[in-house]
Amino acid sequence: MDEDLKRKLKEKLDQGIITQELYDEILTRWKTTQDEDNKKEKNPEEKHENKEHERNSTVNVMGLGKFDDIYAKELTVSGSVKVSGNVDVFNMDVSGAASIGGNITLSGGLDVSGSLVAGGSISCESLDLAGSLKAEELVSGKIDSSGWLTIKKGIKAEIINVDGAIESDGVDCNSIQIDISSTRGKITKLLCNTVNIRRQRRIFRSASIKIDEITCKTAELEGVIAKSIIGDDVTLGDGCEVDYVEASTLKMSENAIVRKRNIRDDNR
């Protein structure tokens, strides 16, 4: 492994994106796979079984692909691939269908315009989603999603932009913007500094999203159905329906509903 790769991997460790155990495991696997040759394809349909790739190789699946694990430079899927174990690459592009049984660890970006299902967690520098993605957990610097994002346990990111559907038990980020165009999507707990949720154009005047709990500093919301919102500056626009709001300042549309409110006096 060259020094640049070691540095990028160490940065992931220092940022808490990967654990020390995974860091050590990746170093070991890189070392053991560098001297191994790629195994030959078993048939012309591009079916690959029990095949490992060197770290500097690119895996391109245009037909049918089957692997135990993938450790390579890049993974591109325009066909259909099934990996029973883990994927560890720099960049991953899925325009076809990919099923990953374990974790996906990326030093760079993940681009999904097709369908990606992961049985474990996904760690990447950035995510660009126009298709469908399902996983247990997601850690990314930036997320841009116009597709269907379903993360069962939780999402951690710096910036999230969504104009599709999002479903997750928990979202923890610095800022999030959601443009809703239908009554779909659900977040159980949202922890964020800045939250901006709005209806896309006026033709989606009945669009809404359910978020049970929002904890934030600043929130500008439309079409949000929530049990509680706790923040500093909260603005509730049309279509908002909230059981409880606690804030330093609260602005409301005449079409917003708040059943109970607590306006804090922070100067006391």
Protein backbone atom coordinates (compact mmCIF):
# COMPACT_ATOMS: atom_id res chain seq x y z
CA MET A 1 0.00 0.00 0.00
CA ASP A 2 1.41 3.43 -0.92
CA GLU A 3 1.63 6.28 1.55
CA ASP A 4 -1.31 8.19 0.04
CA LEU A 5 -3.67 5.27 0.64
CA LYS A 6 -2.41 4.87 4.21
CA ARG A 7 -2.98 8.57 4.84
CA LYS A 8 -6.58 8.51 3.57
CA LEU A 9 -7.37 5.43 5.62
CA LYS A 10 -5.83 7.01 8.74
CA GLU A 11 -7.99 10.13 8.21
CA LYS A 12 -11.10 7.92 8.22
CA LEU A 13 -9.93 6.41 11.52
CA ASP A 14 -9.21 9.82 13.10
CA GLN A 15 -12.63 11.13 12.02
CA GLY A 16 -14.36 8.16 13.64
CA ILE A 17 -15.81 6.95 10.34
CA ILE A 18 -14.17 3.55 10.76
CA THR A 19 -13.16 1.70 13.92
CA GLN A 20 -9.66 0.69 14.94
CA GLU A 21 -10.63 -2.95 14.35
CA LEU A 22 -11.77 -2.25 10.79
CA TYR A 23 -8.66 -0.10 10.17
CA ASP A 24 -6.36 -2.96 11.21
CA GLU A 25 -8.41 -5.46 9.18
CA ILE A 26 -8.18 -3.36 6.01
CA LEU A 27 -4.41 -2.97 6.38
CA THR A 28 -4.04 -6.72 6.78
CA ARG A 29 -6.22 -7.49 3.79
CA TRP A 30 -4.44 -4.97 1.59
CA LYS A 31 -1.13 -6.58 2.44
CA THR A 32 -2.30 -10.13 1.78
CA THR A 33 -4.09 -9.34 -1.49
CA GLN A 34 -1.39 -7.26 -3.19
CA ASP A 35 0.56 -10.30 -4.38
CA GLU A 36 -2.44 -12.36 -5.45
CA ASP A 37 -3.45 -12.60 -9.13
CA ASN A 38 -7.03 -12.25 -10.20
CA LYS A 39 -8.68 -15.59 -10.73
CA LYS A 40 -9.97 -16.36 -14.22
CA GLU A 41 -13.64 -15.95 -15.02
CA LYS A 42 -15.48 -19.25 -14.93
CA ASN A 43 -17.87 -18.57 -17.82
CA PRO A 44 -18.64 -15.92 -20.47
CA GLU A 45 -21.71 -14.67 -18.54
CA GLU A 46 -19.35 -12.85 -16.19
CA LYS A 47 -20.16 -15.04 -13.19
CA HIS A 48 -17.36 -14.70 -10.67
CA GLU A 49 -17.14 -16.96 -7.65
CA ASN A 50 -14.65 -16.75 -4.79
CA LYS A 51 -12.63 -14.11 -6.65
CA GLU A 52 -10.34 -11.52 -5.05
CA HIS A 53 -8.85 -8.50 -6.79
CA GLU A 54 -5.73 -6.53 -6.18
CA ARG A 55 -6.23 -3.14 -4.61
CA ASN A 56 -5.14 -1.35 -7.80
CA SER A 57 -7.64 -3.20 -9.98
CA THR A 58 -11.07 -2.08 -11.19
CA VAL A 59 -14.05 -4.40 -10.95
CA ASN A 60 -16.57 -3.77 -13.73
CA VAL A 61 -19.71 -5.90 -13.69
CA MET A 62 -21.78 -5.55 -16.87
CA GLY A 63 -23.53 -8.91 -16.76
CA LEU A 64 -23.90 -11.16 -13.73
CA GLY A 65 -21.34 -11.01 -10.93
CA LYS A 66 -20.93 -13.08 -7.78
CA PHE A 67 -18.20 -12.50 -5.17
CA ASP A 68 -17.29 -13.41 -1.62
CA ASP A 69 -15.63 -10.02 -0.97
CA ILE A 70 -14.37 -7.16 -3.15
CA TYR A 71 -11.18 -5.26 -2.29
CA ALA A 72 -10.25 -3.10 -5.26
CA LYS A 73 -9.69 0.41 -6.53
CA GLU A 74 -13.15 0.88 -8.02
CA LEU A 75 -16.38 -1.04 -8.40
CA THR A 76 -18.71 -0.27 -11.30
CA VAL A 77 -22.01 -2.13 -11.65
CA SER A 78 -24.13 -1.70 -14.76
CA GLY A 79 -25.44 -5.26 -14.60
CA SER A 80 -26.27 -7.29 -11.52
CA VAL A 81 -23.84 -8.22 -8.73
CA LYS A 82 -24.16 -10.13 -5.47
CA VAL A 83 -21.46 -9.96 -2.80
CA SER A 84 -21.90 -12.21 0.21
CA GLY A 85 -19.32 -10.33 2.30
CA ASN A 86 -17.83 -6.82 2.33
CA VAL A 87 -16.91 -4.25 -0.30
CA ASP A 88 -13.81 -2.08 0.24
CA VAL A 89 -13.00 0.27 -2.66
CA PHE A 90 -12.16 3.92 -3.34
CA ASN A 91 -15.22 4.71 -5.48
CA MET A 92 -18.40 2.79 -6.29
CA ASP A 93 -20.87 3.43 -9.12
CA VAL A 94 -24.13 1.46 -9.34
CA SER A 95 -26.38 2.00 -12.35
CA GLY A 96 -27.63 -1.60 -12.27
CA ALA A 97 -28.49 -3.72 -9.24
CA ALA A 98 -26.12 -4.54 -6.36
CA SER A 99 -26.75 -6.69 -3.28
CA ILE A 100 -24.03 -6.55 -0.60
CA GLY A 101 -24.31 -8.88 2.37
CA GLY A 102 -21.84 -7.04 4.61
CA ASN A 103 -20.37 -3.54 4.93
CA ILE A 104 -19.37 -1.06 2.23
CA THR A 105 -16.26 1.04 2.97
CA LEU A 106 -15.33 3.77 0.50
CA SER A 107 -12.49 6.28 0.63
CA GLY A 108 -14.25 8.36 -2.04
CA GLY A 109 -17.74 8.64 -3.43
CA LEU A 110 -20.77 6.41 -3.89
CA ASP A 111 -22.97 7.07 -6.94
CA VAL A 112 -26.24 5.14 -7.17
CA SER A 113 -28.64 5.60 -10.07
CA GLY A 114 -29.84 2.00 -9.91
CA SER A 115 -30.55 -0.18 -6.87
CA LEU A 116 -28.18 -0.88 -3.97
CA VAL A 117 -29.00 -3.01 -0.91
CA ALA A 118 -26.45 -3.49 1.89
CA GLY A 119 -26.94 -5.84 4.82
CA GLY A 120 -24.47 -3.83 6.94
CA SER A 121 -23.21 -0.24 7.10
CA ILE A 122 -22.00 2.16 4.41
CA SER A 123 -19.11 4.59 4.94
CA CYS A 124 -18.19 7.05 2.19
CA GLU A 125 -16.93 10.56 1.53
CA SER A 126 -20.02 11.52 -0.47
CA LEU A 127 -23.27 9.94 -1.69
CA ASP A 128 -25.11 10.87 -4.88
CA LEU A 129 -28.40 8.94 -5.03
CA ALA A 130 -30.89 9.03 -7.89
CA GLY A 131 -32.11 5.46 -7.51
CA SER A 132 -32.80 3.30 -4.46
CA LEU A 133 -30.50 2.59 -1.51
CA LYS A 134 -31.15 0.46 1.57
CA ALA A 135 -28.70 -0.22 4.41
CA GLU A 136 -28.47 -0.59 8.18
CA GLU A 137 -26.32 2.52 8.77
CA LEU A 138 -24.83 5.32 6.66
CA VAL A 139 -21.88 7.62 7.41
CA SER A 140 -21.02 10.22 4.78
CA GLY A 141 -19.60 13.73 4.52
CA LYS A 142 -22.26 14.94 2.08
CA ILE A 143 -25.48 13.32 0.86
CA ASP A 144 -27.42 14.40 -2.24
CA SER A 145 -30.50 12.26 -2.77
CA SER A 146 -33.27 12.55 -5.34
CA GLY A 147 -34.19 8.87 -5.03
CA TRP A 148 -35.39 6.63 -2.21
CA LEU A 149 -33.03 6.51 0.79
CA THR A 150 -33.85 3.93 3.46
CA ILE A 151 -31.38 3.58 6.35
CA LYS A 152 -32.76 1.45 9.15
CA LYS A 153 -30.65 2.43 12.18
CA GLY A 154 -29.18 5.84 11.48
CA ILE A 155 -27.51 8.41 9.23
CA LYS A 156 -24.53 10.57 10.17
CA ALA A 157 -23.42 13.30 7.78
CA GLU A 158 -22.24 16.88 7.56
CA ILE A 159 -24.67 18.08 4.86
CA ILE A 160 -27.83 16.36 3.59
CA ASN A 161 -29.92 17.47 0.61
CA VAL A 162 -33.03 15.42 -0.19
CA ASP A 163 -35.73 15.93 -2.80
CA GLY A 164 -36.85 12.33 -2.87
CA ALA A 165 -37.93 10.08 0.01
CA ILE A 166 -35.97 9.44 3.20
CA GLU A 167 -36.66 6.89 5.93
CA SER A 168 -34.49 6.30 9.01
CA ASP A 169 -34.72 5.77 12.75
CA GLY A 170 -32.19 8.55 13.31
CA VAL A 171 -30.46 11.36 11.42
CA ASP A 172 -27.51 13.28 12.93
CA CYS A 173 -26.05 16.08 10.79
CA ASN A 174 -24.96 19.71 10.68
CA SER A 175 -27.53 20.83 8.13
CA ILE A 176 -30.37 19.17 6.26
CA GLN A 177 -32.68 20.37 3.50
CA ILE A 178 -35.65 18.28 2.39
CA ASP A 179 -37.87 19.22 -0.54
CA ILE A 180 -41.01 17.11 -0.21
CA SER A 181 -43.25 16.32 -3.17
CA SER A 182 -45.55 13.63 -1.72
CA THR A 183 -46.81 12.22 1.56
CA ARG A 184 -43.97 9.79 2.17
CA GLY A 185 -40.86 9.55 4.29
CA LYS A 186 -40.33 9.07 8.01
CA ILE A 187 -37.57 10.01 10.45
CA THR A 188 -37.88 8.99 14.09
CA LYS A 189 -35.25 11.35 15.56
CA LEU A 190 -33.57 14.27 13.80
CA LEU A 191 -30.60 16.00 15.47
CA CYS A 192 -29.28 18.92 13.45
CA ASN A 193 -28.08 22.52 13.70
CA THR A 194 -30.02 23.81 10.70
CA VAL A 195 -33.21 22.21 9.33
CA ASN A 196 -35.00 23.44 6.20
CA ILE A 197 -37.99 21.41 4.99
CA ARG A 198 -40.24 22.79 2.29
CA ARG A 199 -42.83 21.66 -0.18
CA GLN A 200 -41.68 21.48 -3.78
CA ARG A 201 -43.52 24.14 -5.75
CA ARG A 202 -47.14 25.02 -5.13
CA ILE A 203 -48.56 21.96 -6.87
CA PHE A 204 -47.51 19.88 -3.86
CA ARG A 205 -49.50 21.86 -1.30
CA SER A 206 -50.59 18.71 0.57
CA ALA A 207 -47.14 17.04 0.70
CA SER A 208 -45.87 16.11 4.16
CA ILE A 209 -43.19 14.17 6.03
CA LYS A 210 -43.35 12.59 9.49
CA ILE A 211 -40.54 13.35 11.94
CA ASP A 212 -41.28 12.28 15.50
CA GLU A 213 -38.60 14.36 17.28
CA ILE A 214 -36.57 17.33 16.01
CA THR A 215 -33.74 18.84 18.06
CA CYS A 216 -32.07 21.80 16.36
CA LYS A 217 -30.88 25.38 16.56
CA THR A 218 -32.74 26.80 13.57
CA ALA A 219 -35.71 25.27 11.76
CA GLU A 220 -37.79 26.50 8.82
CA LEU A 221 -40.49 23.94 8.13
CA GLU A 222 -43.42 23.21 5.85
CA GLY A 223 -45.55 20.08 5.79
CA VAL A 224 -43.92 18.53 8.87
CA ILE A 225 -45.94 16.23 11.13
CA ALA A 226 -44.06 15.98 14.44
CA LYS A 227 -44.51 14.97 18.04
CA SER A 228 -41.94 17.45 19.40
CA ILE A 229 -39.64 20.20 18.13
CA ILE A 230 -36.99 21.67 20.42
CA GLY A 231 -34.85 24.49 19.03
CA ASP A 232 -33.78 28.11 19.31
CA ASP A 233 -35.44 29.73 16.30
CA VAL A 234 -38.37 27.79 14.86
CA THR A 235 -40.58 28.81 11.94
CA LEU A 236 -43.61 26.67 11.11
CA GLY A 237 -45.18 27.14 7.71
CA ASP A 238 -48.23 25.71 5.98
CA GLY A 239 -49.07 22.09 6.67
CA CYS A 240 -47.11 21.78 9.92
CA GLU A 241 -48.81 19.86 12.71
CA VAL A 242 -46.83 19.56 15.96
CA ASP A 243 -47.81 18.24 19.37
CA TYR A 244 -45.16 20.20 21.32
CA VAL A 245 -42.77 23.03 20.46
CA GLU A 246 -40.09 24.47 22.73
CA ALA A 247 -38.10 27.42 21.39
CA SER A 248 -36.67 30.86 22.11
CA THR A 249 -38.53 32.32 19.15
CA LEU A 250 -41.50 30.76 17.36
CA LYS A 251 -43.07 32.01 14.13
CA MET A 252 -46.16 30.31 12.76
CA SER A 253 -48.29 30.34 9.65
CA GLU A 254 -52.01 30.67 10.26
CA ASN A 255 -52.33 27.20 8.73
CA ALA A 256 -49.86 25.59 11.15
CA ILE A 257 -51.09 23.65 14.22
CA VAL A 258 -49.26 23.53 17.56
CA ARG A 259 -51.04 21.81 20.43
CA LYS A 260 -48.64 22.85 23.18
CA ARG A 261 -45.79 25.37 23.22
CA ASN A 262 -43.08 26.58 25.57
CA ILE A 263 -41.38 29.84 24.63
CA ARG A 264 -38.16 30.12 26.58
CA ASP A 265 -36.79 33.37 28.01
CA ASP A 266 -33.08 32.85 27.43
CA ASN A 267 -32.22 36.19 29.02
CA ARG A 268 -33.33 35.08 32.46
